[in-house]
Amino acid sequence: MITAPRVFWPSVILVAVFVAFTAMFTDTVAAAITTIQDRVIGTFGWFYILIVCGFVVFAVRMALGRFGDIKLGADDEEPDFKLSTWFAMLFSAGMGIGLVFWGVAEPLNHFASPKPGVEGSPQELAQQSLLQTFLHWGLHPWAIYVVVGLAVAYAIHRKNRPVSIRWALEPVLGKRVNGWLGDLIDIIAVVGTLFGVATSLGLGVLQIAAGLDVLGLVSNPGNWTSVILIGAITLLAIFSVTTGLKRGIKWLSQANMGLASALLIVVLVMGPTLFILQEFVVSIGLYFQNLLRLSFDTGAMQGPEGAQWQGWWTTFYWGWWMSWAPFVGVFIARISRGRTVREFVAGVLLVPTAVTFLWLTVFGGSALYREVFGSGGGVAADGSVNTEGALFGLLGELPGGTVLVTGAVILIVLFFVTSSDSGSLVVTMLSSGGDTEPPIWTRVFWATAEGVVAVALLLAGGLAALQVGAILIALPFSLVMLAMCVATWKALGEERRRQIQLQRKLEREELTAHVSQNLIEEGWTDPHGAESSPNDTESSPASASDTVEGKV
């Protein structure tokens, strides 16, 4: 039984129509969407940059402000997951496969084709390329996740609302969240999540195929190799998502982090260790030193070339993260019951950012070291970069390269499965009216749909069009996120006022009880409820002494 047909069926129809048109009219649809993308980036690029910076400020304000000690759940409730498991799950869902894919490739791309206006020696270009990558994977994307995750977590854990984007907007929309407006919000979230996850699956498959090619297991992998890989990994994702959040997804996330940590340590030890450690410290300092300048850079003074670069990199990333925000935000909200607002923001914003910086420095820094001080190999003679195979090119040059490449392929598969089953769980909850334990068949349906979408668009050559579609969805959802900021501030403000009123009431009751006890002890009040005063002859000290004297 479909518990939310007004969300489920429109989402299915929209996805099916888009996939069908892309498969049948690939060139036409791709050209149309690319034109729309150029218009959106050209017109709203500044808007994307401005609001994402605003989200960073909002997240920091939530952590450091007066709302920090409000618990996302009952006041005496403990977290559902221990800290290490919580970190593993939110990191696997939030970055995962994307960070493995771009950890080496993006710094090399920025080094080979610098941002307009960036000039200097190879060492200076390498430093700027890593700094630019830090910007795209640092505080900004995680602040986007904080906005959605905090709003949803407060609604479902503190207010006991269903797991749905619409209920996060209840403080500003009121009863209208139950109407067509709420349905529209959830439909946008479902479609955006499905597109975002399917695109990542496509990118992951391309990298897995490149890894198998390096290992010699597949020669010149093509579309059918990708189809088989998507089918096999989708089956693993279906198995995982049917086992539930506290088993399959939890175990996979822990396995992801274990294998990723092992691979990171090996590359750190076998690579240019001293350089990596020094570069890690330097890059963090440069990141915070240049954070404002980089965050607000729209490329305006570089003309059309600068605007185009921003559109394909920074603006693209901000839109990409916002298209993922419904998925990651709902997922981390679901696993964050029992955390305080301050703990939630610190955990989601700071810890993953630090781990991401370390990953980028170890992998991206090693690749840049090879280009600047070593034999090169990551950047071709014509200045191009093999984006899908960049990671394997680096690992293959290290001792035990075959083993490392094999481990990297397994890691990508695990991240692939984790992203798929996490996305399936979120889409299923959203399309089931917020049910935290949706029916098994709906989980299987959406996990299968993600694989089918990735396969159809990959065969049709429409994966790029799907990427653009996800970015376009970010535009309307960015307005939803702005409303979420207002709703969260309003809801937490009301929560704080209720706490202050309750505290004052308890203080008054405590003061009243204290005064009453003092009156009883001093004899001014009968403990059984009868009142007394100094004029009562039976209880006043003066009357008692007079009585004694009379007897004498």
Protein backbone atom coordinates (compact mmCIF):
# COMPACT_ATOMS: atom_id res chain seq x y z
CA MET A 1 0.00 0.00 0.00
CA ILE A 2 1.28 3.46 -0.94
CA THR A 3 0.93 5.71 2.09
CA ALA A 4 1.64 9.00 0.27
CA PRO A 5 0.34 8.64 -3.31
CA ARG A 6 0.36 12.42 -3.89
CA VAL A 7 4.15 12.32 -3.54
CA PHE A 8 4.94 8.82 -4.81
CA TRP A 9 3.17 8.84 -8.18
CA PRO A 10 4.13 12.36 -9.35
CA SER A 11 7.76 11.58 -8.49
CA VAL A 12 7.66 8.32 -10.43
CA ILE A 13 6.04 10.00 -13.43
CA LEU A 14 8.52 12.89 -13.52
CA VAL A 15 11.52 10.57 -13.34
CA ALA A 16 10.07 8.19 -15.95
CA VAL A 17 9.26 11.01 -18.38
CA PHE A 18 12.69 12.58 -18.01
CA VAL A 19 14.50 9.26 -18.53
CA ALA A 20 12.31 8.33 -21.51
CA PHE A 21 12.85 11.67 -23.25
CA THR A 22 16.57 11.59 -22.53
CA ALA A 23 16.85 8.07 -23.92
CA MET A 24 14.84 8.83 -27.09
CA PHE A 25 15.96 12.41 -27.77
CA THR A 26 19.37 12.54 -26.12
CA ASP A 27 20.93 15.30 -28.20
CA THR A 28 17.85 17.52 -28.12
CA VAL A 29 17.30 17.15 -24.39
CA ALA A 30 21.01 17.59 -23.60
CA ALA A 31 21.20 20.75 -25.72
CA ALA A 32 18.06 22.19 -24.14
CA ILE A 33 19.18 21.46 -20.59
CA THR A 34 22.68 22.80 -21.26
CA THR A 35 21.15 26.03 -22.56
CA ILE A 36 19.01 26.28 -19.45
CA GLN A 37 22.05 25.58 -17.30
CA ASP A 38 23.99 28.39 -18.98
CA ARG A 39 21.09 30.73 -18.33
CA VAL A 40 20.78 29.64 -14.71
CA ILE A 41 24.50 29.92 -14.00
CA GLY A 42 24.79 33.19 -15.90
CA THR A 43 21.83 34.71 -14.09
CA PHE A 44 21.88 33.06 -10.66
CA GLY A 45 25.54 32.12 -10.15
CA TRP A 46 26.01 35.04 -7.76
CA PHE A 47 22.88 33.92 -5.89
CA TYR A 48 24.23 30.38 -5.39
CA ILE A 49 27.52 31.76 -4.05
CA LEU A 50 25.82 34.25 -1.73
CA ILE A 51 23.32 31.87 -0.14
CA VAL A 52 25.88 29.10 0.40
CA CYS A 53 28.06 31.59 2.28
CA GLY A 54 24.96 32.49 4.25
CA PHE A 55 24.45 28.83 5.12
CA VAL A 56 27.96 28.69 6.61
CA VAL A 57 27.20 31.71 8.80
CA PHE A 58 23.87 30.17 9.82
CA ALA A 59 25.49 26.85 10.80
CA VAL A 60 28.18 28.53 12.91
CA ARG A 61 25.56 30.74 14.58
CA MET A 62 23.50 27.67 15.50
CA ALA A 63 26.49 26.01 17.14
CA LEU A 64 27.78 29.02 19.07
CA GLY A 65 24.48 30.72 19.91
CA ARG A 66 21.89 30.31 22.64
CA PHE A 67 20.22 27.34 20.95
CA GLY A 68 23.24 25.05 21.22
CA ASP A 69 22.11 23.01 24.22
CA ILE A 70 18.65 22.17 22.84
CA LYS A 71 18.43 18.42 22.34
CA LEU A 72 17.16 16.84 19.14
CA GLY A 73 14.88 14.51 21.03
CA ALA A 74 13.59 14.21 24.58
CA ASP A 75 15.66 15.99 27.23
CA ASP A 76 16.77 12.69 28.80
CA GLU A 77 17.24 10.80 25.54
CA GLU A 78 20.57 9.22 24.63
CA PRO A 79 21.92 9.11 21.03
CA ASP A 80 20.88 6.14 18.91
CA PHE A 81 24.42 5.55 17.66
CA LYS A 82 27.79 5.86 19.32
CA LEU A 83 29.99 8.71 18.13
CA SER A 84 32.31 6.71 15.85
CA THR A 85 29.42 4.95 14.12
CA TRP A 86 27.58 8.26 13.69
CA PHE A 87 30.62 9.88 12.07
CA ALA A 88 31.11 6.91 9.75
CA MET A 89 27.50 6.92 8.59
CA LEU A 90 27.19 10.66 7.94
CA PHE A 91 30.58 10.84 6.21
CA SER A 92 29.83 7.86 3.96
CA ALA A 93 26.51 9.36 2.94
CA GLY A 94 27.69 12.96 2.64
CA MET A 95 30.90 12.59 0.63
CA GLY A 96 31.86 8.99 0.15
CA ILE A 97 32.16 8.08 -3.49
CA GLY A 98 32.52 11.70 -4.65
CA LEU A 99 35.59 12.30 -2.51
CA VAL A 100 37.25 9.09 -3.73
CA PHE A 101 36.48 10.08 -7.32
CA TRP A 102 37.72 13.69 -7.10
CA GLY A 103 40.42 13.40 -4.39
CA VAL A 104 43.21 13.13 -6.97
CA ALA A 105 41.42 14.28 -10.11
CA GLU A 106 40.29 17.74 -9.01
CA PRO A 107 43.64 19.11 -7.77
CA LEU A 108 45.26 17.83 -10.98
CA ASN A 109 42.56 19.50 -13.11
CA HIS A 110 43.05 22.83 -11.33
CA PHE A 111 46.83 22.47 -11.71
CA ALA A 112 46.60 21.67 -15.43
CA SER A 113 43.97 24.37 -16.16
CA PRO A 114 44.24 27.05 -13.44
CA LYS A 115 41.40 29.29 -12.48
CA PRO A 116 41.44 32.51 -14.58
CA GLY A 117 43.57 35.10 -12.81
CA VAL A 118 45.70 32.49 -11.01
CA GLU A 119 49.32 32.58 -12.20
CA GLY A 120 52.76 31.71 -10.89
CA SER A 121 55.37 29.00 -10.70
CA PRO A 122 54.41 25.31 -10.75
CA GLN A 123 54.73 25.26 -6.95
CA GLU A 124 52.37 28.23 -6.62
CA LEU A 125 49.87 26.73 -9.07
CA ALA A 126 49.95 23.42 -7.18
CA GLN A 127 49.26 25.20 -3.89
CA GLN A 128 46.39 27.19 -5.35
CA SER A 129 44.88 24.07 -6.93
CA LEU A 130 44.76 22.30 -3.58
CA LEU A 131 43.39 25.42 -1.88
CA GLN A 132 40.59 25.68 -4.47
CA THR A 133 39.75 22.00 -3.92
CA PHE A 134 39.58 22.63 -0.17
CA LEU A 135 36.99 25.33 -0.82
CA HIS A 136 34.76 22.99 -2.82
CA TRP A 137 34.90 20.18 -0.24
CA GLY A 138 35.25 22.08 3.04
CA LEU A 139 32.84 23.96 5.28
CA HIS A 140 30.42 25.05 2.55
CA PRO A 141 28.97 21.68 1.48
CA TRP A 142 28.65 20.50 5.06
CA ALA A 143 26.95 23.77 6.03
CA ILE A 144 24.39 23.02 3.30
CA TYR A 145 23.77 19.64 4.92
CA VAL A 146 23.50 21.27 8.36
CA VAL A 147 20.68 23.55 7.18
CA VAL A 148 18.51 20.67 5.97
CA GLY A 149 19.61 18.12 8.57
CA LEU A 150 19.04 20.38 11.58
CA ALA A 151 15.61 21.51 10.41
CA VAL A 152 14.45 17.95 9.75
CA ALA A 153 16.06 16.53 12.91
CA TYR A 154 14.28 19.07 15.12
CA ALA A 155 10.94 18.35 13.46
CA ILE A 156 11.14 14.55 13.66
CA HIS A 157 12.97 14.08 16.97
CA ARG A 158 11.79 17.02 19.07
CA LYS A 159 8.31 17.49 17.60
CA ASN A 160 7.74 13.84 16.65
CA ARG A 161 6.79 14.70 13.09
CA PRO A 162 7.11 12.25 10.15
CA VAL A 163 10.45 12.06 8.33
CA SER A 164 9.70 14.55 5.59
CA ILE A 165 11.09 17.81 4.24
CA ARG A 166 7.71 19.50 4.48
CA TRP A 167 7.50 19.22 8.28
CA ALA A 168 10.75 21.13 8.66
CA LEU A 169 8.86 24.13 7.24
CA GLU A 170 5.88 23.85 9.57
CA PRO A 171 6.97 26.89 11.66
CA VAL A 172 6.58 29.13 8.58
CA LEU A 173 3.92 27.29 6.55
CA GLY A 174 1.65 26.13 9.35
CA LYS A 175 -1.18 23.83 8.25
CA ARG A 176 -0.29 24.33 4.59
CA VAL A 177 2.39 21.63 4.94
CA ASN A 178 -0.46 19.11 4.64
CA GLY A 179 -1.62 20.55 1.32
CA TRP A 180 -0.33 20.76 -2.22
CA LEU A 181 2.56 23.00 -1.21
CA GLY A 182 3.92 20.33 1.14
CA ASP A 183 3.47 17.69 -1.56
CA LEU A 184 5.42 19.84 -4.04
CA ILE A 185 8.29 20.29 -1.58
CA ASP A 186 8.58 16.54 -1.02
CA ILE A 187 8.34 15.79 -4.75
CA ILE A 188 11.24 18.17 -5.45
CA ALA A 189 13.21 16.45 -2.69
CA VAL A 190 12.47 12.95 -4.04
CA VAL A 191 13.35 13.78 -7.65
CA GLY A 192 16.46 15.74 -6.69
CA THR A 193 17.70 12.92 -4.47
CA LEU A 194 17.11 10.29 -7.14
CA PHE A 195 18.91 12.35 -9.79
CA GLY A 196 21.81 13.16 -7.49
CA VAL A 197 22.36 9.57 -6.38
CA ALA A 198 21.95 8.16 -9.91
CA THR A 199 24.55 10.61 -11.24
CA SER A 200 27.01 9.63 -8.53
CA LEU A 201 26.40 5.98 -9.34
CA GLY A 202 27.25 6.70 -12.97
CA LEU A 203 30.47 8.49 -12.00
CA GLY A 204 31.38 5.68 -9.61
CA VAL A 205 30.88 3.03 -12.27
CA LEU A 206 33.15 4.89 -14.69
CA GLN A 207 35.88 4.92 -12.05
CA ILE A 208 35.38 1.25 -11.16
CA ALA A 209 35.64 0.34 -14.85
CA ALA A 210 38.86 2.35 -15.09
CA GLY A 211 40.23 0.48 -12.08
CA LEU A 212 39.36 -2.90 -13.59
CA ASP A 213 41.10 -1.80 -16.77
CA VAL A 214 44.26 -0.94 -14.81
CA LEU A 215 44.12 -4.36 -13.12
CA GLY A 216 43.80 -6.04 -16.50
CA LEU A 217 40.45 -7.64 -15.61
CA VAL A 218 38.57 -5.72 -18.30
CA SER A 219 39.96 -4.51 -21.59
CA ASN A 220 38.66 -1.22 -22.95
CA PRO A 221 35.52 -1.15 -20.77
CA GLY A 222 32.45 0.16 -22.51
CA ASN A 223 28.78 0.73 -21.82
CA TRP A 224 27.96 -2.94 -21.25
CA THR A 225 30.67 -3.19 -18.63
CA SER A 226 29.06 -0.25 -16.86
CA VAL A 227 25.61 -1.84 -17.15
CA ILE A 228 26.82 -5.09 -15.59
CA LEU A 229 28.57 -3.19 -12.80
CA ILE A 230 25.49 -1.07 -12.07
CA GLY A 231 23.31 -4.19 -12.00
CA ALA A 232 25.61 -6.06 -9.63
CA ILE A 233 26.09 -3.15 -7.26
CA THR A 234 22.37 -2.31 -7.29
CA LEU A 235 21.67 -5.87 -6.12
CA LEU A 236 24.09 -5.34 -3.22
CA ALA A 237 22.37 -2.04 -2.42
CA ILE A 238 18.96 -3.73 -2.45
CA PHE A 239 20.20 -6.37 -0.03
CA SER A 240 21.66 -3.69 2.24
CA VAL A 241 18.63 -1.39 2.25
CA THR A 242 16.26 -4.28 3.04
CA THR A 243 18.26 -5.17 6.16
CA GLY A 244 17.56 -1.76 7.66
CA LEU A 245 19.46 1.21 9.02
CA LYS A 246 20.98 -0.43 12.09
CA ARG A 247 22.40 -3.41 10.25
CA GLY A 248 23.22 -3.19 6.53
CA ILE A 249 23.85 0.55 6.21
CA LYS A 250 25.58 0.73 9.59
CA TRP A 251 27.91 -2.18 8.82
CA LEU A 252 28.74 -0.92 5.34
CA SER A 253 29.51 2.57 6.67
CA GLN A 254 31.88 1.15 9.26
CA ALA A 255 33.55 -1.03 6.61
CA ASN A 256 33.88 2.03 4.36
CA MET A 257 35.64 4.06 7.00
CA GLY A 258 37.90 1.18 7.99
CA LEU A 259 39.06 0.51 4.43
CA ALA A 260 39.32 4.24 3.60
CA SER A 261 41.43 4.83 6.71
CA ALA A 262 43.72 1.92 5.81
CA LEU A 263 44.19 3.21 2.26
CA LEU A 264 44.87 6.73 3.50
CA ILE A 265 47.49 5.54 6.00
CA VAL A 266 49.25 3.41 3.37
CA VAL A 267 49.47 6.31 0.90
CA LEU A 268 50.63 8.65 3.67
CA VAL A 269 53.41 6.27 4.72
CA MET A 270 54.50 5.18 1.23
CA GLY A 271 54.12 8.61 -0.36
CA PRO A 272 56.03 11.81 0.38
CA THR A 273 55.14 11.70 4.08
CA LEU A 274 56.97 14.79 5.29
CA PHE A 275 55.70 16.86 2.37
CA ILE A 276 52.11 15.71 3.02
CA LEU A 277 52.24 16.62 6.72
CA GLN A 278 53.76 20.02 5.98
CA GLU A 279 51.30 20.69 3.18
CA PHE A 280 48.36 19.71 5.40
CA VAL A 281 49.31 22.40 7.93
CA VAL A 282 50.06 25.02 5.27
CA SER A 283 46.85 24.38 3.31
CA ILE A 284 44.63 24.60 6.39
CA GLY A 285 46.20 27.95 7.26
CA LEU A 286 45.79 29.25 3.71
CA TYR A 287 42.22 27.99 3.60
CA PHE A 288 41.12 30.02 6.61
CA GLN A 289 43.28 32.97 5.58
CA ASN A 290 41.61 33.14 2.15
CA LEU A 291 38.17 31.80 3.09
CA LEU A 292 36.26 35.07 2.64
CA ARG A 293 38.00 35.99 -0.62
CA LEU A 294 37.45 32.57 -2.19
CA SER A 295 33.91 32.16 -0.86
CA PHE A 296 32.60 35.35 -2.44
CA ASP A 297 34.54 35.15 -5.71
CA THR A 298 32.16 35.18 -8.70
CA GLY A 299 34.87 35.64 -11.36
CA ALA A 300 33.31 38.94 -12.46
CA MET A 301 36.61 40.70 -13.19
CA GLN A 302 37.84 37.81 -15.33
CA GLY A 303 35.04 38.36 -17.82
CA PRO A 304 33.25 35.54 -19.66
CA GLU A 305 36.15 33.16 -19.11
CA GLY A 306 36.01 33.64 -15.35
CA ALA A 307 32.24 33.28 -15.27
CA GLN A 308 32.46 30.09 -17.32
CA TRP A 309 35.09 28.62 -14.99
CA GLN A 310 32.97 29.46 -11.95
CA GLY A 311 29.96 27.88 -13.62
CA TRP A 312 31.72 24.59 -14.28
CA TRP A 313 33.40 24.40 -10.89
CA THR A 314 32.33 26.45 -7.84
CA THR A 315 28.76 27.25 -8.89
CA PHE A 316 28.40 23.70 -10.19
CA TYR A 317 29.52 22.31 -6.83
CA TRP A 318 27.18 24.53 -4.82
CA GLY A 319 24.26 23.46 -6.96
CA TRP A 320 25.41 19.85 -6.78
CA TRP A 321 25.57 19.90 -2.98
CA MET A 322 22.14 21.52 -2.77
CA SER A 323 20.69 18.84 -5.04
CA TRP A 324 22.11 16.27 -2.59
CA ALA A 325 20.92 18.17 0.47
CA PRO A 326 17.47 16.49 0.75
CA PHE A 327 19.10 13.06 0.69
CA VAL A 328 22.04 13.73 3.01
CA GLY A 329 20.10 16.12 5.25
CA VAL A 330 17.26 13.68 5.87
CA PHE A 331 19.68 10.79 6.35
CA ILE A 332 21.87 12.52 8.94
CA ALA A 333 18.74 13.83 10.66
CA ARG A 334 17.42 10.26 10.85
CA ILE A 335 20.62 9.02 12.57
CA SER A 336 21.05 12.01 14.93
CA ARG A 337 18.35 11.45 17.56
CA GLY A 338 19.63 12.37 21.03
CA ARG A 339 22.30 14.86 19.90
CA THR A 340 22.22 18.49 20.98
CA VAL A 341 22.14 21.25 18.38
CA ARG A 342 25.73 22.17 19.18
CA GLU A 343 26.90 18.56 18.99
CA PHE A 344 25.01 18.06 15.73
CA VAL A 345 26.51 21.11 14.03
CA ALA A 346 30.03 20.45 15.33
CA GLY A 347 29.85 16.81 14.26
CA VAL A 348 28.43 17.51 10.82
CA LEU A 349 30.43 20.66 10.05
CA LEU A 350 33.86 20.28 11.61
CA VAL A 351 34.81 16.60 11.84
CA PRO A 352 34.01 15.64 8.23
CA THR A 353 35.71 18.83 7.00
CA ALA A 354 38.90 17.94 8.87
CA VAL A 355 38.86 14.37 7.55
CA THR A 356 38.17 15.65 4.03
CA PHE A 357 41.13 18.05 4.19
CA LEU A 358 43.39 15.22 5.32
CA TRP A 359 42.17 12.97 2.50
CA LEU A 360 42.66 15.68 -0.14
CA THR A 361 46.14 16.48 1.13
CA VAL A 362 47.26 12.85 1.22
CA PHE A 363 45.91 11.91 -2.21
CA GLY A 364 45.78 15.23 -4.05
CA GLY A 365 48.99 16.42 -2.42
CA SER A 366 50.82 13.23 -3.41
CA ALA A 367 49.68 13.62 -7.01
CA LEU A 368 50.78 17.27 -7.09
CA TYR A 369 54.14 16.38 -5.53
CA ARG A 370 54.68 13.88 -8.36
CA GLU A 371 53.89 16.60 -10.93
CA VAL A 372 56.05 19.35 -9.40
CA PHE A 373 58.98 17.42 -7.91
CA GLY A 374 58.73 13.97 -9.48
CA SER A 375 58.32 12.28 -12.83
CA GLY A 376 54.79 13.52 -13.48
CA GLY A 377 52.25 11.34 -15.23
CA GLY A 378 48.99 12.75 -13.91
CA VAL A 379 48.78 15.50 -16.53
CA ALA A 380 49.16 14.53 -20.18
CA ALA A 381 51.35 16.40 -22.65
CA ASP A 382 48.31 18.20 -24.06
CA GLY A 383 47.33 19.41 -20.57
CA SER A 384 44.45 16.97 -20.13
CA VAL A 385 43.77 14.82 -17.06
CA ASN A 386 42.38 11.30 -17.06
CA THR A 387 39.76 12.11 -14.43
CA GLU A 388 38.38 8.57 -14.03
CA GLY A 389 41.82 6.95 -13.82
CA ALA A 390 43.74 9.63 -11.89
CA LEU A 391 43.48 7.81 -8.54
CA PHE A 392 44.69 4.52 -10.01
CA GLY A 393 47.54 6.25 -11.78
CA LEU A 394 48.78 7.54 -8.43
CA LEU A 395 48.32 4.24 -6.57
CA GLY A 396 49.95 2.24 -9.34
CA GLU A 397 53.21 4.16 -8.88
CA LEU A 398 53.49 3.20 -5.19
CA PRO A 399 54.99 -0.04 -3.84
CA GLY A 400 52.35 -2.78 -3.99
CA GLY A 401 50.40 -0.76 -6.53
CA THR A 402 48.25 -3.66 -7.71
CA VAL A 403 47.08 -4.37 -4.17
CA LEU A 404 46.35 -0.68 -3.59
CA VAL A 405 44.38 -0.38 -6.83
CA THR A 406 42.38 -3.48 -5.87
CA GLY A 407 41.64 -2.00 -2.45
CA ALA A 408 40.59 1.29 -4.05
CA VAL A 409 38.17 -0.51 -6.39
CA ILE A 410 36.63 -2.36 -3.43
CA LEU A 411 36.36 0.93 -1.51
CA ILE A 412 34.56 2.59 -4.42
CA VAL A 413 32.14 -0.34 -4.62
CA LEU A 414 31.38 -0.08 -0.90
CA PHE A 415 30.86 3.67 -1.11
CA PHE A 416 28.76 3.07 -4.21
CA VAL A 417 26.50 0.65 -2.32
CA THR A 418 26.31 2.91 0.74
CA SER A 419 25.26 5.92 -1.34
CA SER A 420 22.68 3.85 -3.19
CA ASP A 421 21.05 2.23 -0.15
CA SER A 422 21.15 5.44 1.91
CA GLY A 423 19.57 7.36 -0.95
CA SER A 424 16.97 4.62 -1.45
CA LEU A 425 16.04 4.70 2.23
CA VAL A 426 15.61 8.48 2.19
CA VAL A 427 13.58 8.51 -1.04
CA THR A 428 11.40 5.72 0.34
CA MET A 429 10.73 7.60 3.56
CA LEU A 430 9.90 10.81 1.69
CA SER A 431 7.57 9.04 -0.73
CA SER A 432 5.92 7.06 2.09
CA GLY A 433 4.70 10.03 4.09
CA GLY A 434 7.71 10.05 6.43
CA ASP A 435 7.45 6.44 7.62
CA THR A 436 10.77 5.60 9.31
CA GLU A 437 10.26 1.90 8.58
CA PRO A 438 8.78 1.95 5.06
CA PRO A 439 7.63 -1.27 3.37
CA ILE A 440 10.36 -3.49 1.94
CA TRP A 441 8.92 -3.39 -1.58
CA THR A 442 9.20 0.40 -1.74
CA ARG A 443 12.86 0.24 -0.69
CA VAL A 444 13.53 -2.33 -3.40
CA PHE A 445 11.60 -0.22 -5.93
CA TRP A 446 13.59 2.96 -5.37
CA ALA A 447 16.95 1.16 -5.17
CA THR A 448 16.12 -0.49 -8.49
CA ALA A 449 14.95 2.85 -9.93
CA GLU A 450 18.31 4.45 -9.14
CA GLY A 451 20.12 1.68 -11.00
CA VAL A 452 17.71 1.82 -13.95
CA VAL A 453 18.05 5.60 -14.23
CA ALA A 454 21.84 5.36 -14.19
CA VAL A 455 21.83 2.58 -16.81
CA ALA A 456 19.34 4.28 -19.13
CA LEU A 457 21.15 7.60 -19.11
CA LEU A 458 24.57 6.00 -19.40
CA LEU A 459 23.50 4.01 -22.48
CA ALA A 460 21.83 7.08 -23.97
CA GLY A 461 24.85 9.25 -23.31
CA GLY A 462 22.67 11.39 -21.09
CA LEU A 463 24.62 11.22 -17.84
CA ALA A 464 25.86 14.77 -18.37
CA ALA A 465 22.26 15.88 -18.93
CA LEU A 466 21.29 14.22 -15.65
CA GLN A 467 24.07 16.11 -13.86
CA VAL A 468 22.72 19.36 -15.25
CA GLY A 469 19.20 18.35 -14.25
CA ALA A 470 20.33 17.87 -10.67
CA ILE A 471 21.87 21.35 -10.68
CA LEU A 472 18.68 22.89 -12.02
CA ILE A 473 16.66 21.22 -9.27
CA ALA A 474 18.93 22.99 -6.79
CA LEU A 475 17.48 26.36 -7.81
CA PRO A 476 13.94 25.81 -6.45
CA PHE A 477 15.28 23.79 -3.54
CA SER A 478 17.60 26.67 -2.59
CA LEU A 479 14.45 28.68 -1.84
CA VAL A 480 13.20 25.81 0.32
CA MET A 481 16.51 25.89 2.20
CA LEU A 482 16.21 29.62 2.85
CA ALA A 483 12.76 28.96 4.28
CA MET A 484 14.29 26.19 6.40
CA CYS A 485 16.74 28.67 7.95
CA VAL A 486 13.85 30.93 8.92
CA ALA A 487 11.78 27.98 10.19
CA THR A 488 14.65 26.58 12.28
CA TRP A 489 15.44 29.96 13.84
CA LYS A 490 11.79 30.50 14.66
CA ALA A 491 11.27 26.99 16.07
CA LEU A 492 14.41 27.05 18.22
CA GLY A 493 13.57 30.56 19.41
CA GLU A 494 10.15 29.38 20.60
CA GLU A 495 11.77 26.34 22.18
CA ARG A 496 14.21 28.53 24.08
CA ARG A 497 11.39 30.82 25.29
CA ARG A 498 9.46 27.80 26.57
CA GLN A 499 12.54 26.57 28.40
CA ILE A 500 13.09 29.98 29.98
CA GLN A 501 9.44 30.18 31.07
CA LEU A 502 9.62 26.67 32.52
CA GLN A 503 12.86 27.49 34.32
CA ARG A 504 11.35 30.66 35.82
CA LYS A 505 8.28 28.72 36.91
CA LEU A 506 10.45 26.11 38.61
CA GLU A 507 12.49 28.84 40.28
CA ARG A 508 9.32 30.51 41.57
CA GLU A 509 8.02 27.20 42.90
CA GLU A 510 11.36 26.49 44.53
CA LEU A 511 11.43 29.97 46.07
CA THR A 512 7.87 29.59 47.35
CA ALA A 513 8.70 26.20 48.88
CA HIS A 514 11.85 27.63 50.48
CA VAL A 515 9.97 30.59 52.02
CA SER A 516 7.22 28.31 53.30
CA GLN A 517 9.77 26.02 54.93
CA ASN A 518 11.44 29.00 56.65
CA LEU A 519 8.09 30.22 57.96
CA ILE A 520 7.36 26.76 59.35
CA GLU A 521 10.75 26.54 61.02
CA GLU A 522 10.29 29.98 62.60
CA GLY A 523 6.85 29.10 63.84
CA TRP A 524 4.98 31.52 61.62
CA THR A 525 3.11 28.78 59.79
CA ASP A 526 1.52 25.61 61.12
CA PRO A 527 3.00 22.70 59.13
CA HIS A 528 -0.49 21.19 59.05
CA GLY A 529 -1.83 24.21 57.22
CA ALA A 530 -3.06 26.53 60.00
CA GLU A 531 -1.70 30.03 59.82
CA SER A 532 -0.38 31.89 62.84
CA SER A 533 0.67 35.42 63.67
CA PRO A 534 2.43 37.28 66.46
CA ASN A 535 -1.00 38.35 67.88
CA ASP A 536 -2.12 34.77 68.57
CA THR A 537 -1.94 34.27 72.36
CA GLU A 538 -1.51 30.51 72.00
CA SER A 539 1.56 30.67 69.85
CA SER A 540 3.34 33.96 70.50
CA PRO A 541 6.39 33.93 72.78
CA ALA A 542 5.04 36.89 74.79
CA SER A 543 1.79 35.10 75.66
CA ALA A 544 3.67 31.99 76.70
CA SER A 545 5.90 33.91 79.15
CA ASP A 546 2.90 35.69 80.65
CA THR A 547 1.26 32.34 81.32
CA VAL A 548 4.33 31.03 83.13
CA GLU A 549 4.55 34.12 85.31
CA GLY A 550 0.88 33.81 86.26
CA LYS A 551 1.41 30.24 87.51
CA VAL A 552 4.31 31.32 89.64
